[in-house]
Amino acid sequence: MSENTNPSSDQNRVAAERNQRECERIDLVRRIPYTLTKSYDEDEFLDHHGTGISVNITSQGMLLMMEEVPKTEQVLNVRVPTPSDPVAIPTLAEVRWTKRVPVDDRKEVCLVGLKFIF
């Protein structure tokens, strides 16, 4: 048996992914301000502010369309909209996955799967 083959952990991972997919997704198309911290060297960090477009949201995360491609596992500060606009709640979210999507011959956007950090 190889090191990476653990039937129990594989079953737990699949069950966790299934539970995430069973959360009710709500279509939500809104501008979402975000801040991500970029590291330029060991001692220097700069905040980068941007705006993405939400595609959908669940109680556990959000699908965001962005022009830039954040790193997987990077933490963003996003302002999650509430039903009573213009109020938005600042929330930390971890980048779980990214996917580049071409818009036309010269431009592409990035779909970013975010998991809220509680």
N, C-alpha and C. Protein backbone atom coordinates (compact mmCIF):
# COMPACT_ATOMS: atom_id res chain seq x y z
N MET A 1 0.85 -1.18 0.00
CA MET A 1 0.00 0.00 0.00
C MET A 1 0.89 1.24 0.00
N SER A 2 0.63 2.18 -0.88
CA SER A 2 1.44 3.38 -0.94
C SER A 2 1.06 4.35 0.16
N GLU A 3 1.92 5.33 0.40
CA GLU A 3 1.69 6.32 1.45
C GLU A 3 0.41 7.10 1.24
N ASN A 4 0.11 7.44 0.00
CA ASN A 4 -1.03 8.30 -0.30
C ASN A 4 -2.35 7.56 -0.38
N THR A 5 -2.34 6.25 -0.29
CA THR A 5 -3.56 5.49 -0.41
C THR A 5 -4.09 5.15 0.98
N ASN A 6 -5.11 5.85 1.39
CA ASN A 6 -5.76 5.62 2.66
C ASN A 6 -7.26 5.63 2.39
N PRO A 7 -7.88 4.44 2.32
CA PRO A 7 -9.30 4.38 1.95
C PRO A 7 -10.18 5.22 2.86
N SER A 8 -9.88 5.26 4.15
CA SER A 8 -10.69 6.03 5.08
C SER A 8 -10.63 7.52 4.78
N SER A 9 -9.42 8.05 4.57
CA SER A 9 -9.30 9.48 4.29
C SER A 9 -9.90 9.82 2.93
N ASP A 10 -9.78 8.92 1.94
CA ASP A 10 -10.39 9.15 0.64
C ASP A 10 -11.91 9.22 0.76
N GLN A 11 -12.49 8.33 1.57
CA GLN A 11 -13.94 8.34 1.76
C GLN A 11 -14.38 9.63 2.46
N ASN A 12 -13.60 10.08 3.45
CA ASN A 12 -13.94 11.32 4.15
C ASN A 12 -13.87 12.51 3.20
N ARG A 13 -12.85 12.54 2.34
CA ARG A 13 -12.69 13.64 1.38
C ARG A 13 -13.87 13.66 0.42
N VAL A 14 -14.26 12.51 -0.11
CA VAL A 14 -15.38 12.43 -1.05
C VAL A 14 -16.67 12.85 -0.36
N ALA A 15 -16.87 12.41 0.88
CA ALA A 15 -18.07 12.79 1.62
C ALA A 15 -18.11 14.29 1.87
N ALA A 16 -16.97 14.88 2.21
CA ALA A 16 -16.91 16.33 2.44
C ALA A 16 -17.22 17.09 1.17
N GLU A 17 -16.66 16.64 0.03
CA GLU A 17 -16.94 17.30 -1.25
C GLU A 17 -18.42 17.18 -1.60
N ARG A 18 -19.00 16.03 -1.33
CA ARG A 18 -20.42 15.83 -1.62
C ARG A 18 -21.26 16.78 -0.77
N ASN A 19 -20.92 16.93 0.53
CA ASN A 19 -21.66 17.83 1.41
C ASN A 19 -21.57 19.27 0.93
N GLN A 20 -20.39 19.68 0.44
CA GLN A 20 -20.24 21.03 -0.06
C GLN A 20 -21.13 21.24 -1.29
N ARG A 21 -21.26 20.25 -2.13
CA ARG A 21 -22.06 20.37 -3.34
C ARG A 21 -23.56 20.38 -3.03
N GLU A 22 -23.95 19.84 -1.86
CA GLU A 22 -25.36 19.77 -1.52
C GLU A 22 -25.89 21.06 -0.92
N CYS A 23 -25.00 22.01 -0.58
CA CYS A 23 -25.44 23.30 -0.06
C CYS A 23 -26.22 24.03 -1.15
N GLU A 24 -27.27 24.70 -0.74
CA GLU A 24 -28.08 25.43 -1.72
C GLU A 24 -27.29 26.60 -2.28
N ARG A 25 -27.15 26.62 -3.60
CA ARG A 25 -26.46 27.72 -4.27
C ARG A 25 -27.51 28.74 -4.69
N ILE A 26 -27.21 29.98 -4.39
CA ILE A 26 -28.10 31.06 -4.76
C ILE A 26 -27.39 31.92 -5.79
N ASP A 27 -28.02 32.09 -6.96
CA ASP A 27 -27.45 32.98 -7.97
C ASP A 27 -27.39 34.39 -7.40
N LEU A 28 -26.22 34.98 -7.49
CA LEU A 28 -26.05 36.32 -6.95
C LEU A 28 -25.02 37.04 -7.82
N VAL A 29 -25.48 37.97 -8.63
CA VAL A 29 -24.58 38.71 -9.51
C VAL A 29 -24.47 40.12 -8.94
N ARG A 30 -23.35 40.37 -8.27
CA ARG A 30 -23.09 41.67 -7.65
C ARG A 30 -21.60 41.98 -7.70
N ARG A 31 -21.28 43.25 -7.64
CA ARG A 31 -19.89 43.67 -7.51
C ARG A 31 -19.44 43.36 -6.08
N ILE A 32 -18.30 42.70 -5.96
CA ILE A 32 -17.78 42.31 -4.66
C ILE A 32 -16.39 42.92 -4.47
N PRO A 33 -16.27 43.90 -3.59
CA PRO A 33 -14.95 44.44 -3.29
C PRO A 33 -14.12 43.40 -2.52
N TYR A 34 -12.85 43.35 -2.80
CA TYR A 34 -11.97 42.42 -2.08
C TYR A 34 -10.62 43.08 -1.85
N THR A 35 -9.92 42.53 -0.87
CA THR A 35 -8.55 42.94 -0.58
C THR A 35 -7.74 41.66 -0.45
N LEU A 36 -6.63 41.61 -1.17
CA LEU A 36 -5.72 40.49 -0.98
C LEU A 36 -4.35 41.07 -0.68
N THR A 37 -3.62 40.35 0.16
CA THR A 37 -2.30 40.80 0.56
C THR A 37 -1.27 40.07 -0.27
N LYS A 38 -0.46 40.84 -0.97
CA LYS A 38 0.59 40.25 -1.80
C LYS A 38 1.93 40.41 -1.09
N SER A 39 2.72 39.35 -1.13
CA SER A 39 4.05 39.37 -0.53
C SER A 39 5.07 39.68 -1.62
N TYR A 40 5.84 40.74 -1.40
CA TYR A 40 6.88 41.10 -2.36
C TYR A 40 8.24 40.57 -1.93
N ASP A 41 8.43 40.37 -0.66
CA ASP A 41 9.60 39.67 -0.13
C ASP A 41 9.24 39.26 1.30
N GLU A 42 10.18 38.72 2.04
CA GLU A 42 9.87 38.21 3.38
C GLU A 42 9.36 39.29 4.31
N ASP A 43 9.80 40.52 4.12
CA ASP A 43 9.46 41.59 5.06
C ASP A 43 8.43 42.59 4.54
N GLU A 44 8.06 42.51 3.27
CA GLU A 44 7.18 43.52 2.70
C GLU A 44 5.90 42.90 2.14
N PHE A 45 4.78 43.36 2.66
CA PHE A 45 3.47 42.92 2.21
C PHE A 45 2.66 44.15 1.82
N LEU A 46 1.98 44.08 0.70
CA LEU A 46 1.14 45.19 0.26
C LEU A 46 -0.28 44.69 0.02
N ASP A 47 -1.24 45.49 0.46
CA ASP A 47 -2.63 45.16 0.20
C ASP A 47 -3.01 45.61 -1.20
N HIS A 48 -3.69 44.74 -1.91
CA HIS A 48 -4.19 45.06 -3.25
C HIS A 48 -5.71 45.04 -3.18
N HIS A 49 -6.33 46.13 -3.58
CA HIS A 49 -7.79 46.23 -3.56
C HIS A 49 -8.31 46.05 -4.98
N GLY A 50 -9.40 45.30 -5.10
CA GLY A 50 -10.01 45.09 -6.40
C GLY A 50 -11.49 44.84 -6.25
N THR A 51 -12.13 44.61 -7.38
CA THR A 51 -13.55 44.29 -7.39
C THR A 51 -13.78 43.13 -8.33
N GLY A 52 -14.50 42.13 -7.84
CA GLY A 52 -14.89 41.00 -8.66
C GLY A 52 -16.40 41.01 -8.83
N ILE A 53 -16.89 40.04 -9.57
CA ILE A 53 -18.33 39.86 -9.76
C ILE A 53 -18.71 38.49 -9.21
N SER A 54 -19.65 38.48 -8.27
CA SER A 54 -20.09 37.20 -7.74
C SER A 54 -20.96 36.50 -8.78
N VAL A 55 -20.89 35.17 -8.79
CA VAL A 55 -21.71 34.36 -9.68
C VAL A 55 -22.80 33.67 -8.87
N ASN A 56 -22.37 33.05 -7.76
CA ASN A 56 -23.32 32.44 -6.84
C ASN A 56 -22.71 32.40 -5.45
N ILE A 57 -23.55 32.07 -4.46
CA ILE A 57 -23.12 32.06 -3.08
C ILE A 57 -23.83 30.94 -2.34
N THR A 58 -23.16 30.37 -1.34
CA THR A 58 -23.77 29.39 -0.44
C THR A 58 -23.44 29.84 0.98
N SER A 59 -23.88 29.09 1.94
CA SER A 59 -23.54 29.41 3.33
C SER A 59 -22.07 29.16 3.60
N GLN A 60 -21.40 28.40 2.72
CA GLN A 60 -20.00 28.05 2.96
C GLN A 60 -19.02 28.76 2.05
N GLY A 61 -19.49 29.38 0.97
CA GLY A 61 -18.54 30.01 0.06
C GLY A 61 -19.21 30.76 -1.06
N MET A 62 -18.38 31.14 -2.03
CA MET A 62 -18.85 31.99 -3.12
C MET A 62 -18.02 31.70 -4.37
N LEU A 63 -18.66 31.83 -5.52
CA LEU A 63 -17.96 31.76 -6.79
C LEU A 63 -17.81 33.20 -7.28
N LEU A 64 -16.56 33.61 -7.48
CA LEU A 64 -16.26 34.98 -7.85
C LEU A 64 -15.55 35.02 -9.19
N MET A 65 -15.90 35.97 -10.03
CA MET A 65 -15.21 36.17 -11.30
C MET A 65 -14.29 37.38 -11.12
N MET A 66 -13.00 37.16 -11.41
CA MET A 66 -11.99 38.21 -11.20
C MET A 66 -11.13 38.36 -12.45
N GLU A 67 -10.49 39.51 -12.58
CA GLU A 67 -9.56 39.69 -13.69
C GLU A 67 -8.18 39.13 -13.37
N GLU A 68 -7.84 39.07 -12.09
CA GLU A 68 -6.54 38.53 -11.71
C GLU A 68 -6.70 37.10 -11.21
N VAL A 69 -5.59 36.38 -11.11
CA VAL A 69 -5.61 34.98 -10.68
C VAL A 69 -4.91 34.88 -9.34
N PRO A 70 -5.67 34.76 -8.25
CA PRO A 70 -5.02 34.60 -6.95
C PRO A 70 -4.46 33.19 -6.79
N LYS A 71 -3.58 33.02 -5.83
CA LYS A 71 -3.00 31.72 -5.57
C LYS A 71 -3.97 30.87 -4.76
N THR A 72 -3.97 29.57 -5.02
CA THR A 72 -4.76 28.65 -4.22
C THR A 72 -4.29 28.73 -2.78
N GLU A 73 -5.21 28.69 -1.85
CA GLU A 73 -5.01 28.79 -0.41
C GLU A 73 -4.74 30.22 0.06
N GLN A 74 -4.71 31.18 -0.86
CA GLN A 74 -4.54 32.57 -0.45
C GLN A 74 -5.83 33.03 0.22
N VAL A 75 -5.70 33.90 1.20
CA VAL A 75 -6.86 34.42 1.92
C VAL A 75 -7.18 35.82 1.42
N LEU A 76 -8.44 36.04 1.11
CA LEU A 76 -8.93 37.34 0.67
C LEU A 76 -9.90 37.88 1.70
N ASN A 77 -9.95 39.17 1.83
CA ASN A 77 -10.99 39.82 2.61
C ASN A 77 -12.04 40.27 1.61
N VAL A 78 -13.21 39.65 1.64
CA VAL A 78 -14.28 40.00 0.70
C VAL A 78 -15.42 40.66 1.47
N ARG A 79 -16.16 41.49 0.80
CA ARG A 79 -17.32 42.14 1.41
C ARG A 79 -18.56 41.45 0.86
N VAL A 80 -19.11 40.56 1.68
CA VAL A 80 -20.25 39.74 1.28
C VAL A 80 -21.54 40.55 1.38
N PRO A 81 -22.31 40.62 0.29
CA PRO A 81 -23.55 41.40 0.31
C PRO A 81 -24.60 40.74 1.19
N THR A 82 -25.47 41.56 1.73
CA THR A 82 -26.60 41.06 2.52
C THR A 82 -27.88 41.39 1.76
N PRO A 83 -28.98 40.78 2.17
CA PRO A 83 -30.25 41.07 1.48
C PRO A 83 -30.63 42.55 1.50
N SER A 84 -30.17 43.28 2.53
CA SER A 84 -30.51 44.71 2.59
C SER A 84 -29.33 45.53 2.09
N ASP A 85 -29.28 45.72 0.77
CA ASP A 85 -28.22 46.53 0.18
C ASP A 85 -28.31 47.94 0.75
N PRO A 86 -27.31 48.69 0.86
CA PRO A 86 -25.95 48.48 0.41
C PRO A 86 -25.03 47.89 1.49
N VAL A 87 -25.59 47.28 2.52
CA VAL A 87 -24.77 46.71 3.59
C VAL A 87 -24.02 45.49 3.07
N ALA A 88 -22.74 45.40 3.42
CA ALA A 88 -21.92 44.24 3.08
C ALA A 88 -21.06 43.91 4.29
N ILE A 89 -20.91 42.63 4.56
CA ILE A 89 -20.18 42.19 5.73
C ILE A 89 -18.77 41.75 5.34
N PRO A 90 -17.74 42.34 5.97
CA PRO A 90 -16.37 41.90 5.65
C PRO A 90 -16.17 40.48 6.16
N THR A 91 -15.64 39.64 5.30
CA THR A 91 -15.48 38.22 5.61
C THR A 91 -14.16 37.73 5.01
N LEU A 92 -13.48 36.86 5.72
CA LEU A 92 -12.28 36.23 5.17
C LEU A 92 -12.69 34.99 4.39
N ALA A 93 -12.05 34.78 3.26
CA ALA A 93 -12.35 33.62 2.42
C ALA A 93 -11.04 33.08 1.85
N GLU A 94 -10.95 31.77 1.77
CA GLU A 94 -9.77 31.10 1.24
C GLU A 94 -10.02 30.68 -0.20
N VAL A 95 -9.04 30.92 -1.06
CA VAL A 95 -9.14 30.48 -2.46
C VAL A 95 -8.95 28.98 -2.50
N ARG A 96 -9.96 28.25 -2.96
CA ARG A 96 -9.90 26.79 -3.03
C ARG A 96 -9.50 26.32 -4.42
N TRP A 97 -9.93 27.04 -5.47
CA TRP A 97 -9.57 26.68 -6.84
C TRP A 97 -9.74 27.89 -7.74
N THR A 98 -9.07 27.83 -8.87
CA THR A 98 -9.20 28.88 -9.88
C THR A 98 -9.31 28.23 -11.26
N LYS A 99 -9.96 28.92 -12.17
CA LYS A 99 -10.07 28.43 -13.54
C LYS A 99 -10.13 29.63 -14.48
N ARG A 100 -9.18 29.69 -15.41
CA ARG A 100 -9.16 30.77 -16.40
C ARG A 100 -10.20 30.47 -17.48
N VAL A 101 -10.95 31.52 -17.86
CA VAL A 101 -12.00 31.37 -18.86
C VAL A 101 -11.81 32.47 -19.91
N PRO A 102 -11.64 32.08 -21.19
CA PRO A 102 -11.47 33.11 -22.23
C PRO A 102 -12.78 33.86 -22.47
N VAL A 103 -12.66 35.18 -22.61
CA VAL A 103 -13.80 36.03 -22.92
C VAL A 103 -13.84 36.30 -24.42
N ASP A 104 -12.68 36.60 -24.96
CA ASP A 104 -12.52 36.77 -26.40
C ASP A 104 -11.07 36.41 -26.74
N ASP A 105 -10.63 36.77 -27.94
CA ASP A 105 -9.28 36.39 -28.37
C ASP A 105 -8.17 37.01 -27.54
N ARG A 106 -8.44 38.15 -26.90
CA ARG A 106 -7.40 38.86 -26.19
C ARG A 106 -7.60 38.95 -24.69
N LYS A 107 -8.72 38.52 -24.17
CA LYS A 107 -9.01 38.71 -22.75
C LYS A 107 -9.54 37.43 -22.14
N GLU A 108 -9.20 37.25 -20.87
CA GLU A 108 -9.77 36.14 -20.12
C GLU A 108 -10.05 36.62 -18.70
N VAL A 109 -10.96 35.93 -18.04
CA VAL A 109 -11.27 36.19 -16.64
C VAL A 109 -10.95 34.93 -15.87
N CYS A 110 -11.00 35.04 -14.58
CA CYS A 110 -10.71 33.89 -13.73
C CYS A 110 -11.90 33.62 -12.83
N LEU A 111 -12.41 32.39 -12.87
CA LEU A 111 -13.42 31.97 -11.90
C LEU A 111 -12.66 31.50 -10.66
N VAL A 112 -13.10 31.97 -9.49
CA VAL A 112 -12.40 31.68 -8.24
C VAL A 112 -13.39 31.11 -7.24
N GLY A 113 -13.14 29.88 -6.81
CA GLY A 113 -13.96 29.25 -5.79
C GLY A 113 -13.44 29.63 -4.42
N LEU A 114 -14.27 30.30 -3.62
CA LEU A 114 -13.88 30.76 -2.30
C LEU A 114 -14.62 29.99 -1.22
N LYS A 115 -13.92 29.67 -0.16
CA LYS A 115 -14.54 29.05 1.02
C LYS A 115 -14.45 30.05 2.17
N PHE A 116 -15.59 30.38 2.77
CA PHE A 116 -15.59 31.32 3.88
C PHE A 116 -14.85 30.72 5.06
N ILE A 117 -14.08 31.55 5.75
CA ILE A 117 -13.34 31.13 6.93
C ILE A 117 -14.06 31.70 8.14
N PHE A 118 -14.51 30.83 9.01
CA PHE A 118 -15.28 31.29 10.17
C PHE A 118 -14.42 31.29 11.41
